[in-house]
Amino acid sequence: MSINVRTKGQTGEREIAKFFNDIYREVYAELKMPFPEKDICQRNQNQSAVGGCDLTATCFYAVEIKRQEALSINTWWKQCLVSA
């Protein structure tokens, strides 16, 4: 069975975007504010073409999502530094 690496990465990005949006929903509810129709945190779909982080609207954090079995921390850290 072949794993589509692109789909695997996109799924991970969606999971973490949901994590951020769940937090945003809690904050908006606590402040009694209506949550926007469109999710606040979203995948950066232009990241391959123009660079940047994997997600938008992450409270000034440079988020890079990795769904890999082998650790490559130094490579990932360099990517975070460049995108930040």
Protein backbone atom coordinates (compact mmCIF):
# COMPACT_ATOMS: atom_id res chain seq x y z
CA MET A 1 0.00 0.00 0.00
CA SER A 2 1.43 3.35 -1.05
CA ILE A 3 1.15 6.44 1.14
CA ASN A 4 0.55 9.77 -0.55
CA VAL A 5 3.03 12.05 1.22
CA ARG A 6 1.23 15.23 0.14
CA THR A 7 -2.13 14.00 1.48
CA LYS A 8 -0.45 12.86 4.69
CA GLY A 9 1.03 16.34 5.22
CA GLN A 10 -2.23 18.12 4.41
CA THR A 11 -4.10 15.91 6.87
CA GLY A 12 -1.61 16.82 9.61
CA GLU A 13 -1.96 20.52 8.81
CA ARG A 14 -5.76 20.27 8.99
CA GLU A 15 -5.55 18.51 12.37
CA ILE A 16 -3.38 21.25 13.88
CA ALA A 17 -5.49 24.02 12.28
CA LYS A 18 -8.53 22.44 13.96
CA PHE A 19 -6.61 22.46 17.27
CA PHE A 20 -5.99 26.22 16.93
CA ASN A 21 -9.58 26.91 15.83
CA ASP A 22 -10.98 24.96 18.79
CA ILE A 23 -8.96 27.24 21.08
CA TYR A 24 -10.14 30.33 19.20
CA ARG A 25 -13.77 29.15 19.57
CA GLU A 26 -13.31 28.78 23.33
CA VAL A 27 -11.81 32.27 23.60
CA TYR A 28 -14.57 33.82 21.48
CA ALA A 29 -17.22 32.02 23.57
CA GLU A 30 -15.60 33.20 26.82
CA LEU A 31 -15.60 36.77 25.48
CA LYS A 32 -19.20 36.32 24.25
CA MET A 33 -18.16 37.20 20.72
CA PRO A 34 -19.53 35.53 17.59
CA PHE A 35 -17.01 33.27 15.89
CA PRO A 36 -16.37 34.21 12.23
CA GLU A 37 -18.05 32.11 9.53
CA LYS A 38 -14.66 31.09 8.16
CA ASP A 39 -12.11 29.40 10.45
CA ILE A 40 -9.41 31.75 11.67
CA CYS A 41 -6.46 29.36 11.40
CA GLN A 42 -6.08 27.81 7.95
CA ARG A 43 -3.55 25.92 5.88
CA ASN A 44 -1.17 28.16 3.94
CA GLN A 45 -1.87 26.75 0.50
CA ASN A 46 0.79 28.95 -1.12
CA GLN A 47 3.63 27.71 1.06
CA SER A 48 5.24 25.69 -1.75
CA ALA A 49 5.17 28.62 -4.16
CA VAL A 50 5.94 31.59 -1.94
CA GLY A 51 7.17 30.03 1.31
CA GLY A 52 6.06 30.78 4.81
CA CYS A 53 4.63 28.65 7.55
CA ASP A 54 2.26 25.71 7.14
CA LEU A 55 -0.60 27.54 8.91
CA THR A 56 -1.90 31.10 9.07
CA ALA A 57 -3.16 32.98 12.16
CA THR A 58 -1.18 31.08 14.79
CA CYS A 59 -0.61 33.97 17.22
CA PHE A 60 2.84 34.83 15.84
CA TYR A 61 4.12 31.25 16.08
CA ALA A 62 5.88 29.81 13.03
CA VAL A 63 4.19 26.41 12.77
CA GLU A 64 5.69 23.66 10.62
CA ILE A 65 3.74 20.39 10.63
CA LYS A 66 5.67 17.14 10.23
CA ARG A 67 4.08 13.69 10.03
CA GLN A 68 7.14 11.52 9.68
CA GLU A 69 8.33 8.38 11.40
CA ALA A 70 12.02 9.34 11.23
CA LEU A 71 13.25 12.34 13.20
CA SER A 72 15.05 15.09 11.31
CA ILE A 73 15.01 17.78 13.98
CA ASN A 74 17.96 19.80 12.64
CA THR A 75 16.44 19.96 9.14
CA TRP A 76 13.02 20.89 10.54
CA TRP A 77 14.51 23.53 12.82
CA LYS A 78 16.29 25.18 9.86
CA GLN A 79 12.98 25.21 7.96
CA CYS A 80 11.25 26.88 10.94
CA LEU A 81 13.95 29.54 11.17
CA VAL A 82 13.67 30.36 7.47
CA SER A 83 9.86 30.51 7.49
CA ALA A 84 9.77 32.59 10.67
